[in-house]
Amino acid sequence: MKMEFYSITSEEIDVNKVIGSVIRPEAGAINTFIGTVREFTGEKQTVSLQYEAYPSMAEKQLKRIGGEIREQWPAVQTSIVHRIGKLAISDIAVVIAVASPHRAESYEASRYAIERIKEIVPIWKKEYWTDGEEWIGDQLEKTSYKNKLPKEEKK
């Protein structure tokens, strides 16, 4: 049996390694979500993004998401890797690999994972546009931090 993993990295993400971590004989479906840096957000042209995180806290939350997935879909195996640092247009920011006996569970669990990442994982992003820059804040983009990141949360 392969091992699930949940990681924050400043290196380029090896998509094949993430997929390989969930491959197993009983899995008839592997869903891979790859989140990349897009050029336009509405009317604003993005030049690059910078992701920051508290890696140890973020990895604990990624693992928590994996546990939540396992509770909802017991036959599913998941690995999640999120990149931090400065990323250019089309760079890979996050990879979620989900293996399951049937495709429905892999789609559902993958969607669940990305939505939960945005809800609970302490990762923040700064957007660099052609006409300025700003810390957007949390990944739901509901909290803006203007020019600074929040203080580390208590564990």
C-alpha atoms as a PDB file:
ATOM      1  CA  MET A   1       0.000   0.000   0.000  1.00  0.00           C
ATOM      2  CA  LYS A   2       1.272   3.467  -0.895  1.00  0.00           C
ATOM      3  CA  MET A   3       1.423   6.186   1.743  1.00  0.00           C
ATOM      4  CA  GLU A   4      -0.712   9.304   1.698  1.00  0.00           C
ATOM      5  CA  PHE A   5       1.164  12.521   2.347  1.00  0.00           C
ATOM      6  CA  TYR A   6       0.305  16.123   3.141  1.00  0.00           C
ATOM      7  CA  SER A   7       2.976  18.690   2.513  1.00  0.00           C
ATOM      8  CA  ILE A   8       3.841  22.366   2.171  1.00  0.00           C
ATOM      9  CA  THR A   9       6.853  22.968  -0.072  1.00  0.00           C
ATOM     10  CA  SER A  10       8.810  25.825  -1.578  1.00  0.00           C
ATOM     11  CA  GLU A  11       9.947  23.542  -4.412  1.00  0.00           C
ATOM     12  CA  GLU A  12       8.127  22.775  -7.658  1.00  0.00           C
ATOM     13  CA  ILE A  13       5.535  20.078  -7.040  1.00  0.00           C
ATOM     14  CA  ASP A  14       6.223  16.692  -8.614  1.00  0.00           C
ATOM     15  CA  VAL A  15       2.729  15.816  -9.850  1.00  0.00           C
ATOM     16  CA  ASN A  16       3.701  12.219 -10.644  1.00  0.00           C
ATOM     17  CA  LYS A  17       5.006  11.693  -7.106  1.00  0.00           C
ATOM     18  CA  VAL A  18       1.718  12.926  -5.636  1.00  0.00           C
ATOM     19  CA  ILE A  19      -0.280  10.661  -7.960  1.00  0.00           C
ATOM     20  CA  GLY A  20       2.055   7.729  -7.276  1.00  0.00           C
ATOM     21  CA  SER A  21       1.438   8.051  -3.550  1.00  0.00           C
ATOM     22  CA  VAL A  22      -2.242   7.089  -3.921  1.00  0.00           C
ATOM     23  CA  ILE A  23      -2.089   4.420  -6.654  1.00  0.00           C
ATOM     24  CA  ARG A  24      -3.213   1.033  -5.390  1.00  0.00           C
ATOM     25  CA  PRO A  25      -4.718  -2.106  -6.950  1.00  0.00           C
ATOM     26  CA  GLU A  26      -8.256  -1.584  -5.629  1.00  0.00           C
ATOM     27  CA  ALA A  27      -8.476   1.962  -7.012  1.00  0.00           C
ATOM     28  CA  GLY A  28     -10.363   2.165 -10.290  1.00  0.00           C
ATOM     29  CA  ALA A  29     -10.220   5.965 -10.344  1.00  0.00           C
ATOM     30  CA  ILE A  30      -7.588   8.564  -9.597  1.00  0.00           C
ATOM     31  CA  ASN A  31      -8.715  12.161  -9.700  1.00  0.00           C
ATOM     32  CA  THR A  32      -6.001  14.784  -9.784  1.00  0.00           C
ATOM     33  CA  PHE A  33      -6.718  18.439  -9.142  1.00  0.00           C
ATOM     34  CA  ILE A  34      -3.931  20.789 -10.164  1.00  0.00           C
ATOM     35  CA  GLY A  35      -4.357  24.421  -9.177  1.00  0.00           C
ATOM     36  CA  THR A  36      -2.264  26.852 -11.197  1.00  0.00           C
ATOM     37  CA  VAL A  37      -1.604  30.588 -11.155  1.00  0.00           C
ATOM     38  CA  ARG A  38      -3.998  32.259 -13.588  1.00  0.00           C
ATOM     39  CA  GLU A  39      -3.265  35.461 -15.476  1.00  0.00           C
ATOM     40  CA  PHE A  40      -6.544  37.299 -14.932  1.00  0.00           C
ATOM     41  CA  THR A  41      -8.737  37.680 -11.871  1.00  0.00           C
ATOM     42  CA  GLY A  42     -11.702  39.609 -13.136  1.00  0.00           C
ATOM     43  CA  GLU A  43     -10.294  42.650 -14.907  1.00  0.00           C
ATOM     44  CA  LYS A  44      -6.947  42.585 -13.065  1.00  0.00           C
ATOM     45  CA  GLN A  45      -3.960  41.132 -14.880  1.00  0.00           C
ATOM     46  CA  THR A  46      -1.833  39.068 -12.538  1.00  0.00           C
ATOM     47  CA  VAL A  47       1.937  39.017 -12.978  1.00  0.00           C
ATOM     48  CA  SER A  48       2.693  36.564 -10.144  1.00  0.00           C
ATOM     49  CA  LEU A  49       1.522  35.349  -6.741  1.00  0.00           C
ATOM     50  CA  GLN A  50       3.329  34.813  -3.494  1.00  0.00           C
ATOM     51  CA  TYR A  51       2.017  32.214  -1.066  1.00  0.00           C
ATOM     52  CA  GLU A  52       3.048  32.214   2.588  1.00  0.00           C
ATOM     53  CA  ALA A  53       2.102  29.725   5.289  1.00  0.00           C
ATOM     54  CA  TYR A  54       2.895  28.417   8.715  1.00  0.00           C
ATOM     55  CA  PRO A  55       4.116  25.072   7.336  1.00  0.00           C
ATOM     56  CA  SER A  56       3.709  22.940  10.468  1.00  0.00           C
ATOM     57  CA  MET A  57       0.195  24.256  11.107  1.00  0.00           C
ATOM     58  CA  ALA A  58      -0.735  24.046   7.432  1.00  0.00           C
ATOM     59  CA  GLU A  59       0.459  20.439   7.146  1.00  0.00           C
ATOM     60  CA  LYS A  60      -1.584  19.496  10.223  1.00  0.00           C
ATOM     61  CA  GLN A  61      -4.658  20.999   8.585  1.00  0.00           C
ATOM     62  CA  LEU A  62      -3.974  19.203   5.289  1.00  0.00           C
ATOM     63  CA  LYS A  63      -3.724  15.945   7.240  1.00  0.00           C
ATOM     64  CA  ARG A  64      -6.983  16.843   9.016  1.00  0.00           C
ATOM     65  CA  ILE A  65      -8.648  17.246   5.628  1.00  0.00           C
ATOM     66  CA  GLY A  66      -7.343  13.812   4.653  1.00  0.00           C
ATOM     67  CA  GLY A  67      -8.920  12.408   7.824  1.00  0.00           C
ATOM     68  CA  GLU A  68     -12.227  14.111   7.094  1.00  0.00           C
ATOM     69  CA  ILE A  69     -12.177  12.635   3.611  1.00  0.00           C
ATOM     70  CA  ARG A  70     -11.444   9.180   5.015  1.00  0.00           C
ATOM     71  CA  GLU A  71     -14.452   9.527   7.356  1.00  0.00           C
ATOM     72  CA  GLN A  72     -16.820  10.459   4.510  1.00  0.00           C
ATOM     73  CA  TRP A  73     -15.367   8.116   1.896  1.00  0.00           C
ATOM     74  CA  PRO A  74     -13.605   5.237   3.725  1.00  0.00           C
ATOM     75  CA  ALA A  75     -12.209   3.634   0.555  1.00  0.00           C
ATOM     76  CA  VAL A  76     -10.564   6.863  -0.626  1.00  0.00           C
ATOM     77  CA  GLN A  77      -6.852   7.607  -0.371  1.00  0.00           C
ATOM     78  CA  THR A  78      -5.666  11.225  -0.664  1.00  0.00           C
ATOM     79  CA  SER A  79      -2.420  13.196  -0.880  1.00  0.00           C
ATOM     80  CA  ILE A  80      -2.195  16.990  -0.938  1.00  0.00           C
ATOM     81  CA  VAL A  81       0.802  19.244  -1.633  1.00  0.00           C
ATOM     82  CA  HIS A  82       0.659  23.058  -1.613  1.00  0.00           C
ATOM     83  CA  ARG A  83       3.503  25.261  -2.770  1.00  0.00           C
ATOM     84  CA  ILE A  84       4.618  28.468  -1.089  1.00  0.00           C
ATOM     85  CA  GLY A  85       6.883  31.253  -2.304  1.00  0.00           C
ATOM     86  CA  LYS A  86       6.704  33.362  -5.444  1.00  0.00           C
ATOM     87  CA  LEU A  87       4.926  31.676  -8.360  1.00  0.00           C
ATOM     88  CA  ALA A  88       4.674  32.803 -11.983  1.00  0.00           C
ATOM     89  CA  ILE A  89       1.689  32.506 -14.301  1.00  0.00           C
ATOM     90  CA  SER A  90       0.882  28.819 -14.969  1.00  0.00           C
ATOM     91  CA  ASP A  91       3.037  27.558 -12.077  1.00  0.00           C
ATOM     92  CA  ILE A  92       1.441  24.789 -10.055  1.00  0.00           C
ATOM     93  CA  ALA A  93       0.293  25.987  -6.622  1.00  0.00           C
ATOM     94  CA  VAL A  94      -1.507  22.884  -5.332  1.00  0.00           C
ATOM     95  CA  VAL A  95      -1.901  19.229  -6.269  1.00  0.00           C
ATOM     96  CA  ILE A  96      -4.572  16.960  -4.811  1.00  0.00           C
ATOM     97  CA  ALA A  97      -4.570  13.295  -5.774  1.00  0.00           C
ATOM     98  CA  VAL A  98      -7.519  11.115  -4.787  1.00  0.00           C
ATOM     99  CA  ALA A  99      -7.754   7.390  -5.470  1.00  0.00           C
ATOM    100  CA  SER A 100     -10.956   5.423  -4.999  1.00  0.00           C
ATOM    101  CA  PRO A 101     -12.601   2.225  -6.242  1.00  0.00           C
ATOM    102  CA  HIS A 102     -15.116   4.269  -8.285  1.00  0.00           C
ATOM    103  CA  ARG A 103     -14.941   7.680  -9.963  1.00  0.00           C
ATOM    104  CA  ALA A 104     -17.797   9.384  -8.101  1.00  0.00           C
ATOM    105  CA  GLU A 105     -15.980   9.276  -4.771  1.00  0.00           C
ATOM    106  CA  SER A 106     -12.738  10.550  -6.288  1.00  0.00           C
ATOM    107  CA  TYR A 107     -14.502  13.586  -7.799  1.00  0.00           C
ATOM    108  CA  GLU A 108     -16.414  14.340  -4.612  1.00  0.00           C
ATOM    109  CA  ALA A 109     -13.406  13.957  -2.334  1.00  0.00           C
ATOM    110  CA  SER A 110     -11.205  16.088  -4.584  1.00  0.00           C
ATOM    111  CA  ARG A 111     -13.762  18.908  -4.605  1.00  0.00           C
ATOM    112  CA  TYR A 112     -14.140  18.605  -0.849  1.00  0.00           C
ATOM    113  CA  ALA A 113     -10.360  18.828  -0.381  1.00  0.00           C
ATOM    114  CA  ILE A 114      -9.847  22.058  -2.331  1.00  0.00           C
ATOM    115  CA  GLU A 115     -12.802  23.772  -0.677  1.00  0.00           C
ATOM    116  CA  ARG A 116     -11.579  22.759   2.800  1.00  0.00           C
ATOM    117  CA  ILE A 117      -8.040  23.935   2.001  1.00  0.00           C
ATOM    118  CA  LYS A 118      -9.437  27.380   1.299  1.00  0.00           C
ATOM    119  CA  GLU A 119     -11.495  27.290   4.512  1.00  0.00           C
ATOM    120  CA  ILE A 120      -9.061  26.041   7.159  1.00  0.00           C
ATOM    121  CA  VAL A 121      -5.429  25.872   5.999  1.00  0.00           C
ATOM    122  CA  PRO A 122      -3.259  28.824   7.130  1.00  0.00           C
ATOM    123  CA  ILE A 123      -1.976  29.865   3.709  1.00  0.00           C
ATOM    124  CA  TRP A 124      -2.043  33.474   2.514  1.00  0.00           C
ATOM    125  CA  LYS A 125      -1.366  34.967  -0.866  1.00  0.00           C
ATOM    126  CA  LYS A 126      -0.099  38.229  -2.225  1.00  0.00           C
ATOM    127  CA  GLU A 127      -1.134  39.118  -5.748  1.00  0.00           C
ATOM    128  CA  TYR A 128       1.179  41.118  -7.980  1.00  0.00           C
ATOM    129  CA  TRP A 129      -0.705  42.851 -10.793  1.00  0.00           C
ATOM    130  CA  THR A 130       0.438  45.001 -13.674  1.00  0.00           C
ATOM    131  CA  ASP A 131      -0.837  48.026 -11.696  1.00  0.00           C
ATOM    132  CA  GLY A 132      -0.018  47.152  -8.078  1.00  0.00           C
ATOM    133  CA  GLU A 133       0.116  44.465  -5.420  1.00  0.00           C
ATOM    134  CA  GLU A 134      -1.803  43.442  -2.325  1.00  0.00           C
ATOM    135  CA  TRP A 135      -1.919  40.730   0.322  1.00  0.00           C
ATOM    136  CA  ILE A 136      -5.297  39.197  -0.453  1.00  0.00           C
ATOM    137  CA  GLY A 137      -5.382  37.343   2.831  1.00  0.00           C
ATOM    138  CA  ASP A 138      -7.059  34.029   3.360  1.00  0.00           C
ATOM    139  CA  GLN A 139      -7.721  31.796   0.372  1.00  0.00           C
ATOM    140  CA  LEU A 140     -11.443  32.482   0.454  1.00  0.00           C
ATOM    141  CA  GLU A 141     -10.431  36.075  -0.284  1.00  0.00           C
ATOM    142  CA  LYS A 142     -12.729  37.377   2.447  1.00  0.00           C
ATOM    143  CA  THR A 143      -9.960  38.824   4.638  1.00  0.00           C
ATOM    144  CA  SER A 144      -7.454  41.326   3.294  1.00  0.00           C
ATOM    145  CA  TYR A 145      -4.260  41.958   5.206  1.00  0.00           C
ATOM    146  CA  LYS A 146      -3.193  44.960   3.091  1.00  0.00           C
ATOM    147  CA  ASN A 147       0.589  45.094   3.659  1.00  0.00           C
ATOM    148  CA  LYS A 148       1.257  42.426   6.262  1.00  0.00           C
ATOM    149  CA  LEU A 149       0.420  38.871   7.273  1.00  0.00           C
ATOM    150  CA  PRO A 150      -1.418  37.961  10.490  1.00  0.00           C
ATOM    151  CA  LYS A 151       0.492  36.837  13.577  1.00  0.00           C
ATOM    152  CA  GLU A 152       0.879  33.093  14.086  1.00  0.00           C
ATOM    153  CA  GLU A 153      -2.247  31.601  15.579  1.00  0.00           C
ATOM    154  CA  LYS A 154      -2.215  29.715  18.867  1.00  0.00           C
ATOM    155  CA  LYS A 155      -2.191  25.953  18.415  1.00  0.00           C
END
